[in-house]
Amino acid sequence: MIQGARALIIKDGKILFIHRIKNGEEYYVLPGGAIEAGETPEQAAVREVKEETNLDIGLGPLLWNIIDDVHGEVGRVFIFSVENFSGEIRLIGPELERQNADNQYIHEWLPASALGGLLIYPAQLKEKLFELLEKK
């Protein structure tokens, strides 16, 4: 089973997404990625957010543990809230090395009102975000 960890970063009512353009497909994900051997989901979330955004984050509690189809394979995604963050957003690490015309990572702050027509992974995330934001 593929396992990943992602972080929900909110600033001024907007959510930080990574707009991915990969092999002709266009979609949005929260910052994060695969859990490596020997890593906890929390450690993976902190490392992956740093690589994808250059932000140092203080993780909050686990929001969701989502089971989803990931490219035809069952995957589990742990999504954590972020209590605080600092740094200047830019791509670093392996993602920077892999970025090219067919594999792009674009940082976008989006209000909940913009999410309706977007393809967001994991598939259940959009509904969970709407539910969470309605409570605030």
N, C-alpha and C. Protein backbone atom coordinates (compact mmCIF):
# COMPACT_ATOMS: atom_id res chain seq x y z
N MET A 1 0.84 -1.19 0.00
CA MET A 1 0.00 0.00 0.00
C MET A 1 0.88 1.24 0.00
N ILE A 2 0.59 2.15 -0.91
CA ILE A 2 1.28 3.43 -0.96
C ILE A 2 0.80 4.27 0.22
N GLN A 3 1.75 4.93 0.91
CA GLN A 3 1.35 5.80 2.02
C GLN A 3 1.99 7.17 1.85
N GLY A 4 1.20 8.19 2.13
CA GLY A 4 1.70 9.55 2.01
C GLY A 4 1.22 10.41 3.16
N ALA A 5 1.83 11.59 3.27
CA ALA A 5 1.46 12.54 4.31
C ALA A 5 1.41 13.93 3.68
N ARG A 6 0.38 14.68 4.03
CA ARG A 6 0.19 16.02 3.49
C ARG A 6 -0.19 16.97 4.61
N ALA A 7 -0.07 18.26 4.33
CA ALA A 7 -0.32 19.28 5.35
C ALA A 7 -1.29 20.33 4.83
N LEU A 8 -2.23 20.68 5.69
CA LEU A 8 -3.21 21.72 5.38
C LEU A 8 -2.69 23.03 5.96
N ILE A 9 -2.24 23.91 5.07
CA ILE A 9 -1.69 25.20 5.45
C ILE A 9 -2.67 26.28 5.03
N ILE A 10 -3.15 27.05 6.00
CA ILE A 10 -4.14 28.10 5.72
C ILE A 10 -3.57 29.44 6.15
N LYS A 11 -3.71 30.43 5.27
CA LYS A 11 -3.26 31.79 5.57
C LYS A 11 -4.29 32.77 5.00
N ASP A 12 -4.75 33.67 5.82
CA ASP A 12 -5.73 34.68 5.39
C ASP A 12 -6.93 34.05 4.68
N GLY A 13 -7.39 32.91 5.19
CA GLY A 13 -8.57 32.26 4.63
C GLY A 13 -8.32 31.49 3.35
N LYS A 14 -7.07 31.37 2.94
CA LYS A 14 -6.75 30.64 1.71
C LYS A 14 -5.90 29.42 2.05
N ILE A 15 -6.04 28.38 1.23
CA ILE A 15 -5.34 27.11 1.43
C ILE A 15 -4.20 27.02 0.42
N LEU A 16 -3.03 26.59 0.89
CA LEU A 16 -1.89 26.41 -0.01
C LEU A 16 -2.00 25.06 -0.71
N PHE A 17 -2.07 25.12 -2.03
CA PHE A 17 -2.09 23.93 -2.87
C PHE A 17 -0.86 23.89 -3.76
N ILE A 18 -0.53 22.69 -4.20
CA ILE A 18 0.45 22.51 -5.27
C ILE A 18 -0.36 22.16 -6.51
N HIS A 19 -0.32 23.06 -7.48
CA HIS A 19 -0.99 22.86 -8.77
C HIS A 19 -0.02 22.02 -9.60
N ARG A 20 -0.41 20.79 -9.88
CA ARG A 20 0.46 19.87 -10.61
C ARG A 20 0.03 19.78 -12.07
N ILE A 21 1.00 19.86 -12.92
CA ILE A 21 0.80 19.59 -14.34
C ILE A 21 1.82 18.50 -14.65
N LYS A 22 1.30 17.28 -14.89
CA LYS A 22 2.18 16.13 -15.03
C LYS A 22 1.68 15.24 -16.16
N ASN A 23 2.52 15.07 -17.16
CA ASN A 23 2.20 14.19 -18.29
C ASN A 23 0.82 14.50 -18.88
N GLY A 24 0.52 15.79 -19.03
CA GLY A 24 -0.73 16.20 -19.65
C GLY A 24 -1.93 16.25 -18.72
N GLU A 25 -1.77 15.82 -17.46
CA GLU A 25 -2.87 15.89 -16.49
C GLU A 25 -2.65 17.10 -15.59
N GLU A 26 -3.75 17.74 -15.21
CA GLU A 26 -3.69 18.92 -14.36
C GLU A 26 -4.56 18.68 -13.13
N TYR A 27 -3.96 18.84 -11.94
CA TYR A 27 -4.70 18.59 -10.70
C TYR A 27 -4.04 19.35 -9.55
N TYR A 28 -4.69 19.30 -8.39
CA TYR A 28 -4.22 20.03 -7.20
C TYR A 28 -4.07 19.06 -6.03
N VAL A 29 -3.02 19.26 -5.25
CA VAL A 29 -2.81 18.48 -4.03
C VAL A 29 -2.32 19.43 -2.93
N LEU A 30 -2.52 19.02 -1.69
CA LEU A 30 -1.90 19.74 -0.59
C LEU A 30 -0.41 19.40 -0.59
N PRO A 31 0.43 20.28 -0.08
CA PRO A 31 1.86 19.97 0.00
C PRO A 31 2.09 18.69 0.80
N GLY A 32 2.98 17.86 0.31
CA GLY A 32 3.31 16.60 0.98
C GLY A 32 3.71 15.57 -0.04
N GLY A 33 3.84 14.34 0.42
CA GLY A 33 4.25 13.28 -0.50
C GLY A 33 4.42 11.96 0.21
N ALA A 34 5.22 11.09 -0.38
CA ALA A 34 5.37 9.72 0.08
C ALA A 34 6.11 9.63 1.42
N ILE A 35 5.67 8.67 2.21
CA ILE A 35 6.35 8.35 3.47
C ILE A 35 7.48 7.39 3.13
N GLU A 36 8.70 7.75 3.51
CA GLU A 36 9.86 6.90 3.23
C GLU A 36 10.04 5.87 4.34
N ALA A 37 10.80 4.82 4.04
CA ALA A 37 11.07 3.76 5.01
C ALA A 37 11.65 4.36 6.29
N GLY A 38 11.11 3.94 7.42
CA GLY A 38 11.60 4.41 8.71
C GLY A 38 11.04 5.75 9.16
N GLU A 39 10.22 6.38 8.34
CA GLU A 39 9.63 7.67 8.69
C GLU A 39 8.24 7.50 9.27
N THR A 40 7.89 8.38 10.18
CA THR A 40 6.50 8.44 10.64
C THR A 40 5.75 9.35 9.66
N PRO A 41 4.42 9.27 9.65
CA PRO A 41 3.67 10.21 8.81
C PRO A 41 3.99 11.67 9.14
N GLU A 42 4.17 11.97 10.42
CA GLU A 42 4.48 13.34 10.84
C GLU A 42 5.82 13.80 10.26
N GLN A 43 6.83 12.94 10.36
CA GLN A 43 8.15 13.28 9.82
C GLN A 43 8.09 13.48 8.30
N ALA A 44 7.33 12.63 7.63
CA ALA A 44 7.20 12.74 6.17
C ALA A 44 6.52 14.05 5.79
N ALA A 45 5.48 14.42 6.53
CA ALA A 45 4.76 15.67 6.23
C ALA A 45 5.70 16.86 6.34
N VAL A 46 6.48 16.92 7.41
CA VAL A 46 7.40 18.04 7.62
C VAL A 46 8.46 18.07 6.52
N ARG A 47 9.05 16.92 6.20
CA ARG A 47 10.09 16.85 5.17
C ARG A 47 9.54 17.21 3.79
N GLU A 48 8.43 16.62 3.42
CA GLU A 48 7.87 16.86 2.10
C GLU A 48 7.41 18.30 1.92
N VAL A 49 6.81 18.89 2.95
CA VAL A 49 6.41 20.30 2.85
C VAL A 49 7.64 21.17 2.65
N LYS A 50 8.71 20.86 3.34
CA LYS A 50 9.96 21.64 3.17
C LYS A 50 10.45 21.53 1.72
N GLU A 51 10.47 20.33 1.18
CA GLU A 51 10.95 20.12 -0.19
C GLU A 51 10.07 20.81 -1.22
N GLU A 52 8.76 20.78 -1.02
CA GLU A 52 7.84 21.32 -2.01
C GLU A 52 7.58 22.81 -1.86
N THR A 53 7.81 23.36 -0.65
CA THR A 53 7.46 24.76 -0.44
C THR A 53 8.56 25.60 0.20
N ASN A 54 9.58 24.96 0.76
CA ASN A 54 10.64 25.63 1.52
C ASN A 54 10.13 26.17 2.86
N LEU A 55 8.93 25.79 3.27
CA LEU A 55 8.38 26.26 4.53
C LEU A 55 8.76 25.32 5.68
N ASP A 56 9.07 25.91 6.82
CA ASP A 56 9.23 25.16 8.06
C ASP A 56 7.88 25.20 8.75
N ILE A 57 7.35 24.03 9.09
CA ILE A 57 6.01 23.98 9.66
C ILE A 57 6.01 23.38 11.05
N GLY A 58 5.03 23.83 11.83
CA GLY A 58 4.71 23.21 13.11
C GLY A 58 3.41 22.45 12.92
N LEU A 59 3.50 21.13 12.96
CA LEU A 59 2.31 20.31 12.71
C LEU A 59 1.33 20.38 13.86
N GLY A 60 0.08 20.38 13.49
CA GLY A 60 -1.01 20.24 14.44
C GLY A 60 -1.48 18.79 14.41
N PRO A 61 -2.69 18.55 14.85
CA PRO A 61 -3.20 17.18 14.89
C PRO A 61 -3.52 16.61 13.51
N LEU A 62 -3.60 15.29 13.47
CA LEU A 62 -4.05 14.58 12.28
C LEU A 62 -5.51 14.94 12.04
N LEU A 63 -5.80 15.42 10.85
CA LEU A 63 -7.18 15.76 10.49
C LEU A 63 -7.90 14.55 9.89
N TRP A 64 -7.25 13.90 8.93
CA TRP A 64 -7.89 12.81 8.21
C TRP A 64 -6.88 11.73 7.85
N ASN A 65 -7.37 10.52 7.81
CA ASN A 65 -6.63 9.36 7.34
C ASN A 65 -7.48 8.81 6.20
N ILE A 66 -7.12 9.13 4.98
CA ILE A 66 -7.96 8.84 3.81
C ILE A 66 -7.39 7.65 3.03
N ILE A 67 -8.25 6.68 2.75
CA ILE A 67 -7.90 5.56 1.87
C ILE A 67 -8.45 5.91 0.49
N ASP A 68 -7.60 5.82 -0.53
CA ASP A 68 -8.00 6.26 -1.86
C ASP A 68 -7.27 5.43 -2.92
N ASP A 69 -7.76 5.51 -4.13
CA ASP A 69 -7.09 4.89 -5.27
C ASP A 69 -5.99 5.84 -5.74
N VAL A 70 -4.76 5.34 -5.78
CA VAL A 70 -3.62 6.14 -6.24
C VAL A 70 -3.03 5.45 -7.47
N HIS A 71 -3.40 5.95 -8.64
CA HIS A 71 -2.91 5.38 -9.91
C HIS A 71 -3.15 3.87 -9.97
N GLY A 72 -4.37 3.45 -9.59
CA GLY A 72 -4.74 2.05 -9.69
C GLY A 72 -4.30 1.19 -8.52
N GLU A 73 -3.69 1.78 -7.50
CA GLU A 73 -3.26 1.06 -6.32
C GLU A 73 -3.89 1.71 -5.08
N VAL A 74 -4.19 0.89 -4.09
CA VAL A 74 -4.77 1.42 -2.86
C VAL A 74 -3.71 2.23 -2.11
N GLY A 75 -4.09 3.42 -1.70
CA GLY A 75 -3.16 4.27 -0.97
C GLY A 75 -3.81 4.88 0.26
N ARG A 76 -2.96 5.22 1.23
CA ARG A 76 -3.42 5.88 2.45
C ARG A 76 -2.72 7.23 2.54
N VAL A 77 -3.49 8.27 2.81
CA VAL A 77 -2.93 9.61 2.95
C VAL A 77 -3.30 10.16 4.32
N PHE A 78 -2.28 10.54 5.08
CA PHE A 78 -2.47 11.19 6.37
C PHE A 78 -2.41 12.70 6.13
N ILE A 79 -3.43 13.42 6.55
CA ILE A 79 -3.45 14.87 6.34
C ILE A 79 -3.49 15.55 7.71
N PHE A 80 -2.47 16.38 7.94
CA PHE A 80 -2.30 17.06 9.21
C PHE A 80 -2.63 18.54 9.08
N SER A 81 -3.11 19.11 10.18
CA SER A 81 -3.26 20.57 10.22
C SER A 81 -1.87 21.15 10.50
N VAL A 82 -1.72 22.42 10.18
CA VAL A 82 -0.46 23.13 10.44
C VAL A 82 -0.78 24.28 11.39
N GLU A 83 -0.09 24.30 12.52
CA GLU A 83 -0.34 25.34 13.52
C GLU A 83 0.41 26.62 13.21
N ASN A 84 1.61 26.50 12.63
CA ASN A 84 2.39 27.68 12.27
C ASN A 84 3.38 27.31 11.17
N PHE A 85 3.84 28.32 10.47
CA PHE A 85 4.83 28.09 9.42
C PHE A 85 5.64 29.36 9.21
N SER A 86 6.83 29.17 8.64
CA SER A 86 7.68 30.31 8.32
C SER A 86 8.53 29.96 7.10
N GLY A 87 9.01 31.00 6.44
CA GLY A 87 9.86 30.81 5.27
C GLY A 87 9.25 31.45 4.03
N GLU A 88 10.04 31.47 2.99
CA GLU A 88 9.63 32.02 1.70
C GLU A 88 9.30 30.86 0.77
N ILE A 89 8.11 30.87 0.20
CA ILE A 89 7.67 29.75 -0.63
C ILE A 89 8.48 29.68 -1.92
N ARG A 90 9.08 28.53 -2.11
CA ARG A 90 9.76 28.19 -3.37
C ARG A 90 10.01 26.69 -3.38
N LEU A 91 10.20 26.15 -4.54
CA LEU A 91 10.45 24.73 -4.72
C LEU A 91 11.92 24.44 -4.48
N ILE A 92 12.21 23.40 -3.67
CA ILE A 92 13.60 22.98 -3.44
C ILE A 92 13.64 21.46 -3.50
N GLY A 93 14.79 20.87 -3.28
CA GLY A 93 14.91 19.41 -3.16
C GLY A 93 14.66 18.67 -4.46
N PRO A 94 14.27 17.38 -4.34
CA PRO A 94 14.09 16.53 -5.52
C PRO A 94 13.05 17.05 -6.49
N GLU A 95 12.00 17.72 -5.95
CA GLU A 95 10.95 18.24 -6.83
C GLU A 95 11.50 19.31 -7.77
N LEU A 96 12.40 20.13 -7.28
CA LEU A 96 13.02 21.16 -8.12
C LEU A 96 13.82 20.51 -9.25
N GLU A 97 14.53 19.44 -8.93
CA GLU A 97 15.33 18.73 -9.93
C GLU A 97 14.46 18.05 -10.98
N ARG A 98 13.27 17.60 -10.58
CA ARG A 98 12.37 16.89 -11.51
C ARG A 98 11.49 17.83 -12.32
N GLN A 99 11.40 19.08 -11.91
CA GLN A 99 10.49 20.00 -12.59
C GLN A 99 10.94 20.27 -14.03
N ASN A 100 9.98 20.16 -14.95
CA ASN A 100 10.21 20.48 -16.36
C ASN A 100 8.85 20.77 -16.99
N ALA A 101 8.81 20.96 -18.28
CA ALA A 101 7.55 21.33 -18.96
C ALA A 101 6.44 20.30 -18.75
N ASP A 102 6.80 19.02 -18.58
CA ASP A 102 5.80 17.97 -18.40
C ASP A 102 5.61 17.56 -16.95
N ASN A 103 6.27 18.24 -16.03
CA ASN A 103 6.20 17.89 -14.61
C ASN A 103 6.38 19.16 -13.80
N GLN A 104 5.27 19.88 -13.57
CA GLN A 104 5.35 21.18 -12.91
C GLN A 104 4.72 21.17 -11.53
N TYR A 105 5.32 21.97 -10.65
CA TYR A 105 4.83 22.19 -9.29
C TYR A 105 4.61 23.70 -9.15
N ILE A 106 3.36 24.12 -9.05
CA ILE A 106 3.04 25.55 -8.97
C ILE A 106 2.32 25.81 -7.66
N HIS A 107 2.87 26.71 -6.85
CA HIS A 107 2.25 27.05 -5.56
C HIS A 107 1.08 28.01 -5.79
N GLU A 108 -0.07 27.69 -5.19
CA GLU A 108 -1.24 28.56 -5.31
C GLU A 108 -2.00 28.60 -3.99
N TRP A 109 -2.27 29.83 -3.53
CA TRP A 109 -3.16 30.04 -2.38
C TRP A 109 -4.57 30.18 -2.93
N LEU A 110 -5.48 29.29 -2.52
CA LEU A 110 -6.83 29.29 -3.07
C LEU A 110 -7.88 29.40 -1.96
N PRO A 111 -8.89 30.26 -2.17
CA PRO A 111 -10.01 30.29 -1.23
C PRO A 111 -10.90 29.07 -1.47
N ALA A 112 -11.65 28.68 -0.46
CA ALA A 112 -12.55 27.53 -0.59
C ALA A 112 -13.51 27.71 -1.76
N SER A 113 -13.89 28.95 -2.03
CA SER A 113 -14.84 29.22 -3.12
C SER A 113 -14.28 28.84 -4.49
N ALA A 114 -12.96 28.70 -4.61
CA ALA A 114 -12.34 28.36 -5.90
C ALA A 114 -12.20 26.86 -6.12
N LEU A 115 -12.50 26.06 -5.12
CA LEU A 115 -12.22 24.62 -5.20
C LEU A 115 -13.24 23.83 -6.00
N GLY A 116 -14.45 24.35 -6.15
CA GLY A 116 -15.55 23.61 -6.77
C GLY A 116 -15.23 22.92 -8.07
N GLY A 117 -14.64 23.62 -9.01
CA GLY A 117 -14.40 23.04 -10.33
C GLY A 117 -13.04 22.41 -10.52
N LEU A 118 -12.25 22.32 -9.46
CA LEU A 118 -10.89 21.81 -9.59
C LEU A 118 -10.81 20.30 -9.33
N LEU A 119 -9.88 19.65 -10.02
CA LEU A 119 -9.58 18.24 -9.76
C LEU A 119 -8.58 18.22 -8.61
N ILE A 120 -9.02 17.69 -7.46
CA ILE A 120 -8.20 17.67 -6.26
C ILE A 120 -8.01 16.23 -5.81
N TYR A 121 -6.78 15.87 -5.47
CA TYR A 121 -6.48 14.53 -4.93
C TYR A 121 -6.01 14.66 -3.50
N PRO A 122 -6.36 13.70 -2.63
CA PRO A 122 -7.26 12.58 -2.90
C PRO A 122 -8.68 13.05 -3.15
N ALA A 123 -9.46 12.22 -3.80
CA ALA A 123 -10.79 12.60 -4.27
C ALA A 123 -11.71 13.06 -3.14
N GLN A 124 -11.58 12.49 -1.95
CA GLN A 124 -12.46 12.84 -0.83
C GLN A 124 -12.07 14.16 -0.16
N LEU A 125 -10.93 14.71 -0.50
CA LEU A 125 -10.40 15.88 0.20
C LEU A 125 -11.28 17.11 0.05
N LYS A 126 -11.79 17.36 -1.14
CA LYS A 126 -12.59 18.57 -1.36
C LYS A 126 -13.78 18.63 -0.40
N GLU A 127 -14.51 17.53 -0.28
CA GLU A 127 -15.68 17.48 0.61
C GLU A 127 -15.24 17.69 2.06
N LYS A 128 -14.14 17.08 2.46
CA LYS A 128 -13.65 17.22 3.84
C LYS A 128 -13.23 18.66 4.13
N LEU A 129 -12.62 19.31 3.14
CA LEU A 129 -12.23 20.71 3.32
C LEU A 129 -13.45 21.60 3.49
N PHE A 130 -14.48 21.39 2.67
CA PHE A 130 -15.70 22.19 2.79
C PHE A 130 -16.32 22.01 4.18
N GLU A 131 -16.38 20.76 4.66
CA GLU A 131 -16.94 20.48 5.98
C GLU A 131 -16.13 21.19 7.08
N LEU A 132 -14.82 21.12 6.99
CA LEU A 132 -13.95 21.74 7.99
C LEU A 132 -14.10 23.25 8.00
N LEU A 133 -14.10 23.86 6.82
CA LEU A 133 -14.15 25.30 6.72
C LEU A 133 -15.51 25.87 7.12
N GLU A 134 -16.56 25.07 6.94
CA GLU A 134 -17.91 25.50 7.36
C GLU A 134 -17.99 25.64 8.88
N LYS A 135 -17.21 24.83 9.60
CA LYS A 135 -17.21 24.83 11.06
C LYS A 135 -16.50 26.06 11.63
N LYS A 136 -15.60 26.65 10.84
CA LYS A 136 -14.81 27.79 11.32
C LYS A 136 -15.57 29.08 11.24
